[in-house]
């Protein structure tokens, strides 16, 4: 599948910077990105559309599932979430963060260090998760003993060369330059 595929649409992009809350570090440089209704999904195996797009753009699809129901973040990798079915409301940025509802066709790009947690989800929620090639996620929960190592790790995570949906010319490149 290419970026010119008819299923891919110019998205409405929400860019949200999130401040360190003392527990969840968030990312001092990069905004959380939400691409609203970026993909038109087929009824048959909609997850495969995100898997193909993410993988073609250097973000190999890693899993199908939902969003953990507890605050967590990844200090060693950025994460892309493609909602292929249902909807969810998630809190990004820690306890004092922002609540956003995402639904089928949306993509969320979470910078390293940005906390996320499911608050509620439809019973049919389906998400494809991916990380830039060559990176892998850890699972951090904001414990005080994690902080020095996670702050160092977040600072070392490079901006990916490609947007997980649009490749070399996507909104990620505009917002994370």
Protein backbone atom coordinates (compact mmCIF):
# COMPACT_ATOMS: atom_id res chain seq x y z
CA UNK A 1 0.00 0.00 0.00
CA UNK A 2 1.37 3.41 -0.92
CA UNK A 3 0.79 6.86 0.48
CA UNK A 4 -1.26 7.61 -2.64
CA UNK A 5 -3.73 4.87 -1.73
CA UNK A 6 -7.32 6.11 -2.01
CA UNK A 7 -7.91 5.13 1.64
CA UNK A 8 -5.50 7.76 2.93
CA UNK A 9 -6.98 11.24 3.43
CA UNK A 10 -5.50 14.59 4.46
CA UNK A 11 -6.15 14.62 8.18
CA UNK A 12 -7.27 17.24 10.61
CA UNK A 13 -4.19 17.38 12.89
CA UNK A 14 -4.33 18.12 16.59
CA UNK A 15 -0.90 18.92 18.05
CA UNK A 16 -0.76 19.04 21.85
CA UNK A 17 2.33 19.83 23.92
CA UNK A 18 2.25 18.31 27.38
CA UNK A 19 4.24 19.51 30.37
CA UNK A 20 6.19 17.36 32.82
CA UNK A 21 3.83 16.67 35.72
CA UNK A 22 6.54 15.51 38.14
CA UNK A 23 5.66 11.85 37.63
CA UNK A 24 5.10 11.50 33.88
CA UNK A 25 7.89 13.43 32.11
CA UNK A 26 6.10 13.84 28.78
CA UNK A 27 8.34 15.24 26.06
CA UNK A 28 9.93 18.68 26.33
CA UNK A 29 10.37 19.03 22.56
CA UNK A 30 7.70 17.06 20.70
CA UNK A 31 3.92 17.39 20.62
CA UNK A 32 1.41 14.57 20.81
CA UNK A 33 -0.18 14.33 17.35
CA UNK A 34 -3.70 13.14 16.57
CA UNK A 35 -4.70 12.68 12.93
CA UNK A 36 -8.49 12.73 12.84
CA UNK A 37 -10.16 10.49 10.25
CA UNK A 38 -6.92 10.03 8.33
CA UNK A 39 -7.85 6.66 6.85
CA UNK A 40 -11.00 5.26 5.31
CA UNK A 41 -11.19 1.68 6.51
CA UNK A 42 -12.78 -1.34 4.81
CA UNK A 43 -15.21 -3.58 6.68
CA UNK A 44 -13.01 -6.63 6.06
CA UNK A 45 -9.79 -6.65 8.16
CA UNK A 46 -9.42 -2.90 8.75
CA UNK A 47 -6.35 -3.48 10.95
CA UNK A 48 -4.39 -4.65 7.91
CA UNK A 49 -4.64 -1.14 6.39
CA UNK A 50 -2.76 0.37 9.33
CA UNK A 51 -0.31 -2.53 9.44
CA UNK A 52 0.55 -2.05 5.76
CA UNK A 53 0.82 1.75 5.94
CA UNK A 54 2.88 1.81 9.15
CA UNK A 55 5.23 -0.92 7.93
CA UNK A 56 5.68 0.69 4.48
CA UNK A 57 6.72 3.93 6.21
CA UNK A 58 9.34 2.43 8.51
CA UNK A 59 7.14 1.87 11.58
CA UNK A 60 6.68 -1.93 11.57
CA UNK A 61 3.30 -2.89 12.98
CA UNK A 62 3.98 -4.50 16.37
CA UNK A 63 0.63 -5.47 17.89
CA UNK A 64 -3.18 -5.40 17.78
CA UNK A 65 -4.95 -4.65 21.05
CA UNK A 66 -6.17 -1.61 23.01
CA UNK A 67 -4.65 0.96 25.40
CA UNK A 68 -3.48 -0.03 28.88
CA UNK A 69 -5.87 1.18 31.63
CA UNK A 70 -3.03 2.67 33.69
CA UNK A 71 -0.68 5.63 33.20
CA UNK A 72 2.43 4.56 31.35
CA UNK A 73 4.93 5.85 28.85
CA UNK A 74 7.82 4.65 26.73
CA UNK A 75 11.20 6.30 27.24
CA UNK A 76 12.97 4.46 24.40
CA UNK A 77 10.56 4.83 21.47
CA UNK A 78 7.83 6.92 19.92
CA UNK A 79 4.55 5.06 19.34
CA UNK A 80 1.88 5.18 16.64
CA UNK A 81 -1.66 3.98 17.33
CA UNK A 82 -4.05 3.32 14.46
CA UNK A 83 -7.66 2.94 15.60
CA UNK A 84 -9.21 0.38 13.28
CA UNK A 85 -12.44 -0.31 15.13
CA UNK A 86 -14.53 1.27 17.90
CA UNK A 87 -13.56 4.25 20.01
CA UNK A 88 -11.79 5.13 23.26
CA UNK A 89 -11.23 8.07 25.53
CA UNK A 90 -7.65 8.24 26.75
CA UNK A 91 -5.77 10.58 29.03
CA UNK A 92 -2.47 11.79 27.63
CA UNK A 93 0.18 13.48 29.74
CA UNK A 94 -0.42 12.04 33.20
CA UNK A 95 -3.06 12.72 35.83
CA UNK A 96 -3.35 16.42 34.94
CA UNK A 97 -3.14 15.79 31.20
CA UNK A 98 -5.67 16.06 28.41
CA UNK A 99 -8.53 13.64 27.68
CA UNK A 100 -9.09 12.84 24.01
CA UNK A 101 -11.56 10.56 22.30
CA UNK A 102 -10.33 8.66 19.26
CA UNK A 103 -12.32 6.53 16.84
CA UNK A 104 -11.89 4.29 13.83
CA UNK A 105 -9.76 5.98 11.18
CA UNK A 106 -7.79 8.11 13.68
CA UNK A 107 -4.05 7.86 14.26
CA UNK A 108 -2.28 8.99 17.43
CA UNK A 109 1.48 9.57 17.43
CA UNK A 110 2.86 9.57 20.94
CA UNK A 111 6.34 11.00 21.48
CA UNK A 112 8.71 9.15 23.79
CA UNK A 113 7.95 10.13 27.38
CA UNK A 114 4.30 11.08 26.88
CA UNK A 115 2.01 9.28 29.28
CA UNK A 116 -1.16 7.60 28.11
CA UNK A 117 -3.97 5.65 29.75
CA UNK A 118 -7.37 4.39 28.61
CA UNK A 119 -10.24 5.91 30.55
CA UNK A 120 -12.99 4.09 28.68
CA UNK A 121 -13.33 2.14 25.48
CA UNK A 122 -16.04 0.63 23.35
CA UNK A 123 -16.28 -3.14 23.58
CA UNK A 124 -15.12 -3.47 19.98
CA UNK A 125 -12.04 -1.20 20.28
CA UNK A 126 -9.20 -2.30 18.05
CA UNK A 127 -5.83 -0.58 17.74
CA UNK A 128 -2.69 -1.36 15.76
CA UNK A 129 0.47 -0.21 17.53
CA UNK A 130 3.83 0.50 15.91
CA UNK A 131 7.26 1.92 16.71
CA UNK A 132 9.91 3.31 14.36
CA UNK A 133 12.15 0.61 12.89
CA UNK A 134 15.15 -0.12 15.07
CA UNK A 135 13.47 1.03 18.27
CA UNK A 136 11.57 -0.86 20.89
CA UNK A 137 9.41 0.27 23.76
CA UNK A 138 10.03 -0.09 27.43
CA UNK A 139 7.13 0.24 29.87
CA UNK A 140 7.51 3.00 32.46
CA UNK A 141 4.91 4.05 34.99
CA UNK A 142 6.34 7.25 36.45
CA UNK A 143 7.93 5.77 39.57
CA UNK A 144 10.48 8.10 41.23
CA UNK A 145 13.30 5.55 40.80
CA UNK A 146 12.69 5.47 37.01
CA UNK A 147 13.04 9.20 36.49
CA UNK A 148 16.79 9.85 35.96
CA UNK A 149 17.19 6.98 33.48
CA UNK A 150 13.96 7.76 31.62
CA UNK A 151 14.79 11.45 31.20
CA UNK A 152 18.15 10.49 29.67
CA UNK A 153 16.54 7.89 27.42
CA UNK A 154 13.82 10.26 26.17
CA UNK A 155 16.46 12.84 25.22
CA UNK A 156 18.24 10.21 23.07
CA UNK A 157 15.18 9.15 21.01
CA UNK A 158 15.61 10.58 17.52
CA UNK A 159 12.86 12.13 15.43
CA UNK A 160 11.87 9.47 12.88
CA UNK A 161 12.76 10.05 9.25
CA UNK A 162 9.21 9.23 8.13
CA UNK A 163 5.66 9.88 9.23
CA UNK A 164 4.01 6.50 9.98
CA UNK A 165 1.15 7.22 7.56
CA UNK A 166 2.40 9.74 5.02
CA UNK A 167 6.10 8.93 4.73
CA UNK A 168 8.69 11.63 4.13
CA UNK A 169 6.17 14.46 3.74
CA UNK A 170 3.68 13.98 6.56
CA UNK A 171 2.41 16.12 9.40
CA UNK A 172 4.92 14.50 11.78
CA UNK A 173 7.75 16.09 9.80
CA UNK A 174 6.01 19.48 9.96
CA UNK A 175 5.32 19.37 13.70
CA UNK A 176 8.49 17.59 14.86
CA UNK A 177 11.11 19.45 12.79
